[in-house]
Amino acid sequence: MLREVTVKIGLERIDIQKGIMVEALLDSGATGLVMSSEFARKQGFKLKKLERPMNVRNVDESLNKERPIENTVKVNIYYQGHRERTEIDVIREQKWTVILEMPWLACHNPEIYWRTREAKIMRCLEECGKQWRPVQGKLGWEKQKEEEVKEEAGKKREEKDKKKKQKKGKTVEVKRVAEKWEI
């Protein structure tokens, strides 16, 4: 008798920080982290259109009869104290709400207890917490690193602007005092 291994994970919508618990299938034969389009629609996930659609292939390498993947959703995944931000492909006609596939399993390297069908994350690799899945032509961690660099540069710019405003404010105050005292 074939029995699936599933785990309860938390999914958080990034746009409104709203979370939901779902049962996700662990599938070492799949190569894409996927979410049901019906579930994404019902939960109000914000869909992000891919630059170019991705065809879905079956185990025998034939093209899947369903339409190509055209959208992703950006989420935070929570599982056993781990939190990671990633994009999940949205796919039609799917039995499972979410499927966590081989690259996710390889990255987190869970201990799977087959008799009880439990998975425990106890020995994550160095990549844990980084976006590991490919995103339109770049490995996810490369794209994530670029985004982090841009975010850091933006924070530095904001800090610099804030200091400028503070300095300008002090200069204006000194000018007012000097005028008041007729200096």
C-alpha atoms as a PDB file:
ATOM      1  CA  MET A   1       0.000   0.000   0.000  1.00  0.00           C
ATOM      2  CA  LEU A   2       1.462   3.340  -1.107  1.00  0.00           C
ATOM      3  CA  ARG A   3       1.417   5.967   1.626  1.00  0.00           C
ATOM      4  CA  GLU A   4       2.425   9.570   1.191  1.00  0.00           C
ATOM      5  CA  VAL A   5       4.556  11.514   3.628  1.00  0.00           C
ATOM      6  CA  THR A   6       3.012  14.867   4.404  1.00  0.00           C
ATOM      7  CA  VAL A   7       3.916  17.664   6.798  1.00  0.00           C
ATOM      8  CA  LYS A   8       1.921  20.547   8.218  1.00  0.00           C
ATOM      9  CA  ILE A   9       3.534  23.817   7.230  1.00  0.00           C
ATOM     10  CA  GLY A  10       2.648  27.428   7.728  1.00  0.00           C
ATOM     11  CA  LEU A  11       2.306  29.580   4.613  1.00  0.00           C
ATOM     12  CA  GLU A  12       2.325  33.332   5.004  1.00  0.00           C
ATOM     13  CA  ARG A  13       1.055  35.755   2.393  1.00  0.00           C
ATOM     14  CA  ILE A  14       3.803  38.365   2.126  1.00  0.00           C
ATOM     15  CA  ASP A  15       1.511  41.219   1.093  1.00  0.00           C
ATOM     16  CA  ILE A  16      -0.688  41.153   4.222  1.00  0.00           C
ATOM     17  CA  GLN A  17       1.297  38.928   6.613  1.00  0.00           C
ATOM     18  CA  LYS A  18      -1.642  36.509   6.860  1.00  0.00           C
ATOM     19  CA  GLY A  19      -0.775  32.908   7.619  1.00  0.00           C
ATOM     20  CA  ILE A  20      -2.510  29.581   7.123  1.00  0.00           C
ATOM     21  CA  MET A  21      -1.604  25.995   8.057  1.00  0.00           C
ATOM     22  CA  VAL A  22      -1.651  23.480   5.207  1.00  0.00           C
ATOM     23  CA  GLU A  23      -0.723  19.886   4.631  1.00  0.00           C
ATOM     24  CA  ALA A  24       2.139  19.649   2.134  1.00  0.00           C
ATOM     25  CA  LEU A  25       3.232  16.532   0.294  1.00  0.00           C
ATOM     26  CA  LEU A  26       6.941  15.644   0.387  1.00  0.00           C
ATOM     27  CA  ASP A  27       7.773  14.410  -3.110  1.00  0.00           C
ATOM     28  CA  SER A  28      11.342  13.423  -3.912  1.00  0.00           C
ATOM     29  CA  GLY A  29      10.355  12.746  -7.532  1.00  0.00           C
ATOM     30  CA  ALA A  30       9.142  16.264  -8.233  1.00  0.00           C
ATOM     31  CA  THR A  31      11.453  19.058  -9.327  1.00  0.00           C
ATOM     32  CA  GLY A  32       9.181  22.028  -8.737  1.00  0.00           C
ATOM     33  CA  LEU A  33       7.783  23.567  -5.569  1.00  0.00           C
ATOM     34  CA  VAL A  34       4.111  23.913  -6.471  1.00  0.00           C
ATOM     35  CA  MET A  35       0.804  25.191  -5.144  1.00  0.00           C
ATOM     36  CA  SER A  36      -2.688  24.441  -6.371  1.00  0.00           C
ATOM     37  CA  SER A  37      -4.158  27.307  -8.416  1.00  0.00           C
ATOM     38  CA  GLU A  38      -7.540  26.746  -6.767  1.00  0.00           C
ATOM     39  CA  PHE A  39      -5.973  27.065  -3.291  1.00  0.00           C
ATOM     40  CA  ALA A  40      -4.011  30.176  -4.323  1.00  0.00           C
ATOM     41  CA  ARG A  41      -7.214  31.767  -5.636  1.00  0.00           C
ATOM     42  CA  LYS A  42      -9.324  30.862  -2.577  1.00  0.00           C
ATOM     43  CA  GLN A  43      -6.681  32.202  -0.178  1.00  0.00           C
ATOM     44  CA  GLY A  44      -6.202  35.395  -2.192  1.00  0.00           C
ATOM     45  CA  PHE A  45      -2.488  34.936  -2.910  1.00  0.00           C
ATOM     46  CA  LYS A  46      -1.075  37.649  -5.155  1.00  0.00           C
ATOM     47  CA  LEU A  47      -0.006  35.976  -8.400  1.00  0.00           C
ATOM     48  CA  LYS A  48       3.199  37.065 -10.095  1.00  0.00           C
ATOM     49  CA  LYS A  49       3.253  36.474 -13.857  1.00  0.00           C
ATOM     50  CA  LEU A  50       6.359  34.648 -15.117  1.00  0.00           C
ATOM     51  CA  GLU A  51       8.382  36.300 -17.883  1.00  0.00           C
ATOM     52  CA  ARG A  52       7.858  33.151 -19.907  1.00  0.00           C
ATOM     53  CA  PRO A  53       5.635  30.132 -19.140  1.00  0.00           C
ATOM     54  CA  MET A  54       7.284  26.895 -17.976  1.00  0.00           C
ATOM     55  CA  ASN A  55       6.091  23.572 -19.352  1.00  0.00           C
ATOM     56  CA  VAL A  56       5.321  20.810 -16.867  1.00  0.00           C
ATOM     57  CA  ARG A  57       6.785  17.397 -17.590  1.00  0.00           C
ATOM     58  CA  ASN A  58       5.622  14.040 -16.317  1.00  0.00           C
ATOM     59  CA  VAL A  59       7.878  11.398 -14.793  1.00  0.00           C
ATOM     60  CA  ASP A  60       8.397   9.837 -18.252  1.00  0.00           C
ATOM     61  CA  GLU A  61       9.549  13.269 -19.579  1.00  0.00           C
ATOM     62  CA  SER A  62       6.390  13.702 -21.695  1.00  0.00           C
ATOM     63  CA  LEU A  63       4.633  17.083 -21.564  1.00  0.00           C
ATOM     64  CA  ASN A  64       1.862  17.270 -19.008  1.00  0.00           C
ATOM     65  CA  LYS A  65      -1.628  17.768 -20.488  1.00  0.00           C
ATOM     66  CA  GLU A  66      -2.242  20.795 -18.272  1.00  0.00           C
ATOM     67  CA  ARG A  67      -1.284  24.278 -19.402  1.00  0.00           C
ATOM     68  CA  PRO A  68       2.228  25.536 -18.608  1.00  0.00           C
ATOM     69  CA  ILE A  69       3.030  27.242 -15.323  1.00  0.00           C
ATOM     70  CA  GLU A  70       2.386  30.935 -15.847  1.00  0.00           C
ATOM     71  CA  ASN A  71       2.382  32.312 -12.279  1.00  0.00           C
ATOM     72  CA  THR A  72       4.173  32.093  -8.958  1.00  0.00           C
ATOM     73  CA  VAL A  73       3.355  33.320  -5.475  1.00  0.00           C
ATOM     74  CA  LYS A  74       5.865  34.712  -2.997  1.00  0.00           C
ATOM     75  CA  VAL A  75       5.404  33.246   0.485  1.00  0.00           C
ATOM     76  CA  ASN A  76       7.111  32.603   3.777  1.00  0.00           C
ATOM     77  CA  ILE A  77       7.179  28.909   4.652  1.00  0.00           C
ATOM     78  CA  TYR A  78       7.282  27.964   8.334  1.00  0.00           C
ATOM     79  CA  TYR A  79       8.194  24.462   9.488  1.00  0.00           C
ATOM     80  CA  GLN A  80       9.653  23.326  12.806  1.00  0.00           C
ATOM     81  CA  GLY A  81      11.192  26.656  13.716  1.00  0.00           C
ATOM     82  CA  HIS A  82      12.453  27.339  10.194  1.00  0.00           C
ATOM     83  CA  ARG A  83      11.275  30.301   8.162  1.00  0.00           C
ATOM     84  CA  GLU A  84      12.160  30.964   4.582  1.00  0.00           C
ATOM     85  CA  ARG A  85      10.895  33.246   1.848  1.00  0.00           C
ATOM     86  CA  THR A  86      10.468  31.653  -1.535  1.00  0.00           C
ATOM     87  CA  GLU A  87       8.374  31.621  -4.675  1.00  0.00           C
ATOM     88  CA  ILE A  88       6.047  28.722  -5.376  1.00  0.00           C
ATOM     89  CA  ASP A  89       4.866  27.803  -8.866  1.00  0.00           C
ATOM     90  CA  VAL A  90       1.088  27.838  -9.254  1.00  0.00           C
ATOM     91  CA  ILE A  91      -0.243  24.842 -11.164  1.00  0.00           C
ATOM     92  CA  ARG A  92      -3.727  23.791 -12.280  1.00  0.00           C
ATOM     93  CA  GLU A  93      -5.544  20.554 -11.536  1.00  0.00           C
ATOM     94  CA  GLN A  94      -3.486  19.561  -8.531  1.00  0.00           C
ATOM     95  CA  LYS A  95      -4.600  17.135  -5.821  1.00  0.00           C
ATOM     96  CA  TRP A  96      -2.310  18.604  -3.147  1.00  0.00           C
ATOM     97  CA  THR A  97      -2.433  22.155  -1.813  1.00  0.00           C
ATOM     98  CA  VAL A  98       1.390  22.374  -1.767  1.00  0.00           C
ATOM     99  CA  ILE A  99       4.155  19.993  -2.834  1.00  0.00           C
ATOM    100  CA  LEU A 100       7.653  20.319  -1.374  1.00  0.00           C
ATOM    101  CA  GLU A 101      10.005  18.706  -3.857  1.00  0.00           C
ATOM    102  CA  MET A 102      13.524  17.326  -4.187  1.00  0.00           C
ATOM    103  CA  PRO A 103      15.562  20.575  -4.124  1.00  0.00           C
ATOM    104  CA  TRP A 104      13.704  21.621  -0.947  1.00  0.00           C
ATOM    105  CA  LEU A 105      14.298  18.198   0.579  1.00  0.00           C
ATOM    106  CA  ALA A 106      17.983  18.253  -0.427  1.00  0.00           C
ATOM    107  CA  CYS A 107      18.450  21.720   1.061  1.00  0.00           C
ATOM    108  CA  HIS A 108      16.795  20.909   4.403  1.00  0.00           C
ATOM    109  CA  ASN A 109      17.875  17.278   4.539  1.00  0.00           C
ATOM    110  CA  PRO A 110      15.053  16.115   6.843  1.00  0.00           C
ATOM    111  CA  GLU A 111      15.082  12.918   8.860  1.00  0.00           C
ATOM    112  CA  ILE A 112      12.092  10.953   7.639  1.00  0.00           C
ATOM    113  CA  TYR A 113      10.571   8.296   9.872  1.00  0.00           C
ATOM    114  CA  TRP A 114       8.801   6.117   7.326  1.00  0.00           C
ATOM    115  CA  ARG A 115       6.729   4.067   9.798  1.00  0.00           C
ATOM    116  CA  THR A 116       5.180   7.127  11.407  1.00  0.00           C
ATOM    117  CA  ARG A 117       5.417   9.272   8.252  1.00  0.00           C
ATOM    118  CA  GLU A 118       7.067  12.108  10.172  1.00  0.00           C
ATOM    119  CA  ALA A 119       9.774  14.423   8.933  1.00  0.00           C
ATOM    120  CA  LYS A 120      12.066  16.357  11.254  1.00  0.00           C
ATOM    121  CA  ILE A 121      14.472  19.064  10.189  1.00  0.00           C
ATOM    122  CA  MET A 122      17.545  18.581  12.318  1.00  0.00           C
ATOM    123  CA  ARG A 123      20.492  18.958   9.976  1.00  0.00           C
ATOM    124  CA  CYS A 124      19.991  21.735   7.458  1.00  0.00           C
ATOM    125  CA  LEU A 125      22.741  22.525   5.035  1.00  0.00           C
ATOM    126  CA  GLU A 126      24.460  25.915   4.786  1.00  0.00           C
ATOM    127  CA  GLU A 127      21.951  27.049   2.144  1.00  0.00           C
ATOM    128  CA  CYS A 128      19.086  26.839   4.650  1.00  0.00           C
ATOM    129  CA  GLY A 129      17.123  30.060   4.784  1.00  0.00           C
ATOM    130  CA  LYS A 130      18.276  31.116   1.332  1.00  0.00           C
ATOM    131  CA  GLN A 131      16.044  30.948  -1.682  1.00  0.00           C
ATOM    132  CA  TRP A 132      17.355  27.805  -3.350  1.00  0.00           C
ATOM    133  CA  ARG A 133      15.026  27.317  -6.272  1.00  0.00           C
ATOM    134  CA  PRO A 134      15.770  28.654  -9.771  1.00  0.00           C
ATOM    135  CA  VAL A 135      13.900  31.850 -10.617  1.00  0.00           C
ATOM    136  CA  GLN A 136      13.628  32.637 -14.339  1.00  0.00           C
ATOM    137  CA  GLY A 137      17.197  32.074 -15.459  1.00  0.00           C
ATOM    138  CA  LYS A 138      19.059  32.567 -12.172  1.00  0.00           C
ATOM    139  CA  LEU A 139      19.463  30.395  -9.160  1.00  0.00           C
ATOM    140  CA  GLY A 140      17.207  31.694  -6.432  1.00  0.00           C
ATOM    141  CA  TRP A 141      20.055  32.409  -4.019  1.00  0.00           C
ATOM    142  CA  GLU A 142      21.776  34.566  -6.674  1.00  0.00           C
ATOM    143  CA  LYS A 143      18.596  36.547  -7.217  1.00  0.00           C
ATOM    144  CA  GLN A 144      18.068  36.747  -3.451  1.00  0.00           C
ATOM    145  CA  LYS A 145      21.616  38.033  -2.979  1.00  0.00           C
ATOM    146  CA  GLU A 146      21.020  40.721  -5.627  1.00  0.00           C
ATOM    147  CA  GLU A 147      17.805  41.728  -3.858  1.00  0.00           C
ATOM    148  CA  GLU A 148      19.608  41.827  -0.494  1.00  0.00           C
ATOM    149  CA  VAL A 149      22.354  44.056  -1.961  1.00  0.00           C
ATOM    150  CA  LYS A 150      19.711  46.401  -3.425  1.00  0.00           C
ATOM    151  CA  GLU A 151      17.830  46.412  -0.116  1.00  0.00           C
ATOM    152  CA  GLU A 152      21.033  47.189   1.822  1.00  0.00           C
ATOM    153  CA  ALA A 153      21.902  50.008  -0.600  1.00  0.00           C
ATOM    154  CA  GLY A 154      18.387  51.401  -0.151  1.00  0.00           C
ATOM    155  CA  LYS A 155      18.757  51.298   3.650  1.00  0.00           C
ATOM    156  CA  LYS A 156      22.119  53.080   3.435  1.00  0.00           C
ATOM    157  CA  ARG A 157      20.563  55.738   1.163  1.00  0.00           C
ATOM    158  CA  GLU A 158      17.686  56.218   3.607  1.00  0.00           C
ATOM    159  CA  GLU A 159      20.122  56.506   6.535  1.00  0.00           C
ATOM    160  CA  LYS A 160      22.237  59.045   4.622  1.00  0.00           C
ATOM    161  CA  ASP A 161      19.120  61.080   3.718  1.00  0.00           C
ATOM    162  CA  LYS A 162      17.967  60.940   7.334  1.00  0.00           C
ATOM    163  CA  LYS A 163      21.345  62.238   8.563  1.00  0.00           C
ATOM    164  CA  LYS A 164      21.249  64.989   5.916  1.00  0.00           C
ATOM    165  CA  LYS A 165      17.790  66.066   7.085  1.00  0.00           C
ATOM    166  CA  GLN A 166      18.916  66.020  10.722  1.00  0.00           C
ATOM    167  CA  LYS A 167      21.997  68.094   9.860  1.00  0.00           C
ATOM    168  CA  LYS A 168      19.908  70.479   7.754  1.00  0.00           C
ATOM    169  CA  GLY A 169      17.409  70.789  10.605  1.00  0.00           C
ATOM    170  CA  LYS A 170      20.204  71.641  13.057  1.00  0.00           C
ATOM    171  CA  THR A 171      21.641  74.213  10.621  1.00  0.00           C
ATOM    172  CA  VAL A 172      18.227  75.861  10.243  1.00  0.00           C
ATOM    173  CA  GLU A 173      17.822  75.909  14.049  1.00  0.00           C
ATOM    174  CA  VAL A 174      21.271  77.492  14.512  1.00  0.00           C
ATOM    175  CA  LYS A 175      20.374  80.141  11.898  1.00  0.00           C
ATOM    176  CA  ARG A 176      17.128  80.930  13.750  1.00  0.00           C
ATOM    177  CA  VAL A 177      18.950  81.282  17.075  1.00  0.00           C
ATOM    178  CA  ALA A 178      21.620  83.470  15.444  1.00  0.00           C
ATOM    179  CA  GLU A 179      18.939  85.710  13.910  1.00  0.00           C
ATOM    180  CA  LYS A 180      17.067  85.910  17.187  1.00  0.00           C
ATOM    181  CA  TRP A 181      20.200  86.893  19.080  1.00  0.00           C
ATOM    182  CA  GLU A 182      21.277  89.089  16.180  1.00  0.00           C
ATOM    183  CA  ILE A 183      24.579  87.300  15.810  1.00  0.00           C
END
